[in-house]
Amino acid sequence: QVQLVESGGGLVQAGDSLRLSCAASGRTFRNYSIRWVRQASGKEREFVASITWSGDYIVYADSVKGRFTISVDMPKSTVYLQMNNLKPEDTAVYFCVFQNYWGQGTQVTVSS
């Protein structure tokens, strides 16, 4: 079993920053990657970014490149998503995902 707990969401204005955290526990096999996925109201889920636990392979969606940074703290089993220059279209529930395990999500709302 794997447990994922996200935190750090909130209501911000366009141009502001937020940092999301995902604390993982359980059988988090270190040779797999962990990813952030978001879902806006009425829209399909969208891949945001992923990182291997070693931190040596990172992938970003085109929509967030240059604005978001994913990182990992292995001793804490925590993955972060630093989000800068937020835009209203970034408004969504952000989920941390490891294999087929999902966290409960954290709401990010960006006002214009």
C-alpha atoms as a PDB file:
ATOM      1  CA  GLN A   1       0.000   0.000   0.000  1.00  0.00           C
ATOM      2  CA  VAL A   2       1.040   3.548  -0.743  1.00  0.00           C
ATOM      3  CA  GLN A   3      -0.335   6.694   0.835  1.00  0.00           C
ATOM      4  CA  LEU A   4       0.004  10.100  -0.797  1.00  0.00           C
ATOM      5  CA  VAL A   5      -0.931  13.335   0.950  1.00  0.00           C
ATOM      6  CA  GLU A   6      -0.901  16.619  -0.949  1.00  0.00           C
ATOM      7  CA  SER A   7      -0.810  20.069   0.585  1.00  0.00           C
ATOM      8  CA  GLY A   8      -0.061  23.643  -0.339  1.00  0.00           C
ATOM      9  CA  GLY A   9      -2.974  24.606  -2.547  1.00  0.00           C
ATOM     10  CA  GLY A  10      -4.879  27.845  -2.173  1.00  0.00           C
ATOM     11  CA  LEU A  11      -6.342  30.945  -3.773  1.00  0.00           C
ATOM     12  CA  VAL A  12      -3.848  33.299  -5.382  1.00  0.00           C
ATOM     13  CA  GLN A  13      -3.779  36.025  -7.989  1.00  0.00           C
ATOM     14  CA  ALA A  14      -2.345  35.715 -11.461  1.00  0.00           C
ATOM     15  CA  GLY A  15       1.436  36.048 -11.356  1.00  0.00           C
ATOM     16  CA  ASP A  16       1.718  34.677  -7.824  1.00  0.00           C
ATOM     17  CA  SER A  17       3.498  31.504  -6.732  1.00  0.00           C
ATOM     18  CA  LEU A  18       2.551  28.394  -4.773  1.00  0.00           C
ATOM     19  CA  ARG A  19       4.457  25.306  -3.723  1.00  0.00           C
ATOM     20  CA  LEU A  20       2.631  22.013  -3.534  1.00  0.00           C
ATOM     21  CA  SER A  21       3.926  19.120  -1.463  1.00  0.00           C
ATOM     22  CA  CYS A  22       3.224  15.403  -1.745  1.00  0.00           C
ATOM     23  CA  ALA A  23       4.251  13.263   1.207  1.00  0.00           C
ATOM     24  CA  ALA A  24       4.486   9.591   0.310  1.00  0.00           C
ATOM     25  CA  SER A  25       4.531   6.596   2.620  1.00  0.00           C
ATOM     26  CA  GLY A  26       4.346   2.881   2.212  1.00  0.00           C
ATOM     27  CA  ARG A  27       5.925   0.808  -0.527  1.00  0.00           C
ATOM     28  CA  THR A  28       7.234   3.580  -2.741  1.00  0.00           C
ATOM     29  CA  PHE A  29       9.562   1.643  -5.034  1.00  0.00           C
ATOM     30  CA  ARG A  30      12.404   3.969  -5.765  1.00  0.00           C
ATOM     31  CA  ASN A  31      12.914   2.935  -9.366  1.00  0.00           C
ATOM     32  CA  TYR A  32       9.549   4.387 -10.344  1.00  0.00           C
ATOM     33  CA  SER A  33       8.642   7.997 -10.929  1.00  0.00           C
ATOM     34  CA  ILE A  34       6.006  10.078  -9.229  1.00  0.00           C
ATOM     35  CA  ARG A  35       3.906  12.626 -11.075  1.00  0.00           C
ATOM     36  CA  TRP A  36       1.550  15.548 -10.671  1.00  0.00           C
ATOM     37  CA  VAL A  37      -1.723  15.506 -12.567  1.00  0.00           C
ATOM     38  CA  ARG A  38      -4.371  18.218 -12.517  1.00  0.00           C
ATOM     39  CA  GLN A  39      -8.036  18.341 -13.343  1.00  0.00           C
ATOM     40  CA  ALA A  40      -9.969  21.518 -13.949  1.00  0.00           C
ATOM     41  CA  SER A  41     -13.699  21.575 -13.450  1.00  0.00           C
ATOM     42  CA  GLY A  42     -15.444  20.022 -16.433  1.00  0.00           C
ATOM     43  CA  LYS A  43     -12.196  19.045 -18.116  1.00  0.00           C
ATOM     44  CA  GLU A  44     -10.160  15.885 -18.465  1.00  0.00           C
ATOM     45  CA  ARG A  45      -7.186  15.122 -16.292  1.00  0.00           C
ATOM     46  CA  GLU A  46      -3.940  16.655 -17.524  1.00  0.00           C
ATOM     47  CA  PHE A  47      -0.366  15.545 -16.903  1.00  0.00           C
ATOM     48  CA  VAL A  48       1.700  18.315 -15.305  1.00  0.00           C
ATOM     49  CA  ALA A  49       5.137  16.938 -14.412  1.00  0.00           C
ATOM     50  CA  SER A  50       6.946  13.813 -13.271  1.00  0.00           C
ATOM     51  CA  ILE A  51      10.213  12.999 -11.564  1.00  0.00           C
ATOM     52  CA  THR A  52      12.086   9.857 -10.628  1.00  0.00           C
ATOM     53  CA  TRP A  53      12.769   9.381  -6.924  1.00  0.00           C
ATOM     54  CA  SER A  54      16.462   9.831  -7.685  1.00  0.00           C
ATOM     55  CA  GLY A  55      15.613  13.179  -9.267  1.00  0.00           C
ATOM     56  CA  ASP A  56      17.586  12.477 -12.414  1.00  0.00           C
ATOM     57  CA  TYR A  57      14.749  12.301 -14.929  1.00  0.00           C
ATOM     58  CA  ILE A  58      12.135  15.032 -15.127  1.00  0.00           C
ATOM     59  CA  VAL A  59       9.348  15.659 -17.608  1.00  0.00           C
ATOM     60  CA  TYR A  60       7.076  18.701 -17.875  1.00  0.00           C
ATOM     61  CA  ALA A  61       3.927  19.390 -19.829  1.00  0.00           C
ATOM     62  CA  ASP A  62       4.442  22.118 -22.407  1.00  0.00           C
ATOM     63  CA  SER A  63       1.838  24.256 -20.672  1.00  0.00           C
ATOM     64  CA  VAL A  64       3.953  24.577 -17.513  1.00  0.00           C
ATOM     65  CA  LYS A  65       7.520  24.521 -18.839  1.00  0.00           C
ATOM     66  CA  GLY A  66       9.527  27.458 -17.573  1.00  0.00           C
ATOM     67  CA  ARG A  67       7.005  28.219 -14.824  1.00  0.00           C
ATOM     68  CA  PHE A  68       6.766  25.024 -12.737  1.00  0.00           C
ATOM     69  CA  THR A  69       9.591  23.090 -11.114  1.00  0.00           C
ATOM     70  CA  ILE A  70       9.266  19.577  -9.732  1.00  0.00           C
ATOM     71  CA  SER A  71      11.725  18.317  -7.135  1.00  0.00           C
ATOM     72  CA  VAL A  72      12.112  15.471  -4.679  1.00  0.00           C
ATOM     73  CA  ASP A  73      13.421  15.127  -1.130  1.00  0.00           C
ATOM     74  CA  MET A  74      14.197  11.443  -0.839  1.00  0.00           C
ATOM     75  CA  PRO A  75      14.887  11.291   2.926  1.00  0.00           C
ATOM     76  CA  LYS A  76      11.466  12.866   3.494  1.00  0.00           C
ATOM     77  CA  SER A  77       9.794  10.877   0.689  1.00  0.00           C
ATOM     78  CA  THR A  78       8.276  14.140  -0.428  1.00  0.00           C
ATOM     79  CA  VAL A  79       7.820  15.559  -3.911  1.00  0.00           C
ATOM     80  CA  TYR A  80       7.327  19.269  -4.479  1.00  0.00           C
ATOM     81  CA  LEU A  81       5.832  21.302  -7.284  1.00  0.00           C
ATOM     82  CA  GLN A  82       6.956  24.907  -7.275  1.00  0.00           C
ATOM     83  CA  MET A  83       4.527  26.917  -9.381  1.00  0.00           C
ATOM     84  CA  ASN A  84       5.540  30.412 -10.439  1.00  0.00           C
ATOM     85  CA  ASN A  85       3.805  32.994 -12.584  1.00  0.00           C
ATOM     86  CA  LEU A  86       0.481  31.269 -12.095  1.00  0.00           C
ATOM     87  CA  LYS A  87      -2.263  31.857 -14.634  1.00  0.00           C
ATOM     88  CA  PRO A  88      -6.054  31.505 -14.340  1.00  0.00           C
ATOM     89  CA  GLU A  89      -5.851  28.466 -16.617  1.00  0.00           C
ATOM     90  CA  ASP A  90      -3.751  26.724 -13.947  1.00  0.00           C
ATOM     91  CA  THR A  91      -6.851  26.575 -11.759  1.00  0.00           C
ATOM     92  CA  ALA A  92      -7.515  22.907 -10.996  1.00  0.00           C
ATOM     93  CA  VAL A  93      -7.332  20.194  -8.402  1.00  0.00           C
ATOM     94  CA  TYR A  94      -3.766  18.926  -8.340  1.00  0.00           C
ATOM     95  CA  PHE A  95      -3.139  15.263  -7.620  1.00  0.00           C
ATOM     96  CA  CYS A  96       0.020  13.417  -6.717  1.00  0.00           C
ATOM     97  CA  VAL A  97       0.174  10.021  -8.405  1.00  0.00           C
ATOM     98  CA  PHE A  98       2.475   7.036  -7.909  1.00  0.00           C
ATOM     99  CA  GLN A  99       1.803   4.018 -10.109  1.00  0.00           C
ATOM    100  CA  ASN A 100      -1.960   3.598  -9.656  1.00  0.00           C
ATOM    101  CA  TYR A 101      -2.123   5.310  -6.270  1.00  0.00           C
ATOM    102  CA  TRP A 102      -3.656   8.788  -6.067  1.00  0.00           C
ATOM    103  CA  GLY A 103      -3.661  11.371  -3.324  1.00  0.00           C
ATOM    104  CA  GLN A 104      -6.814  13.216  -2.314  1.00  0.00           C
ATOM    105  CA  GLY A 105      -5.851  16.297  -4.293  1.00  0.00           C
ATOM    106  CA  THR A 106      -5.329  19.935  -3.399  1.00  0.00           C
ATOM    107  CA  GLN A 107      -7.239  22.826  -4.944  1.00  0.00           C
ATOM    108  CA  VAL A 108      -5.364  25.601  -6.705  1.00  0.00           C
ATOM    109  CA  THR A 109      -7.387  28.638  -7.740  1.00  0.00           C
ATOM    110  CA  VAL A 110      -5.817  31.500  -9.665  1.00  0.00           C
ATOM    111  CA  SER A 111      -7.838  34.687 -10.019  1.00  0.00           C
ATOM    112  CA  SER A 112      -7.270  37.142 -12.841  1.00  0.00           C
END
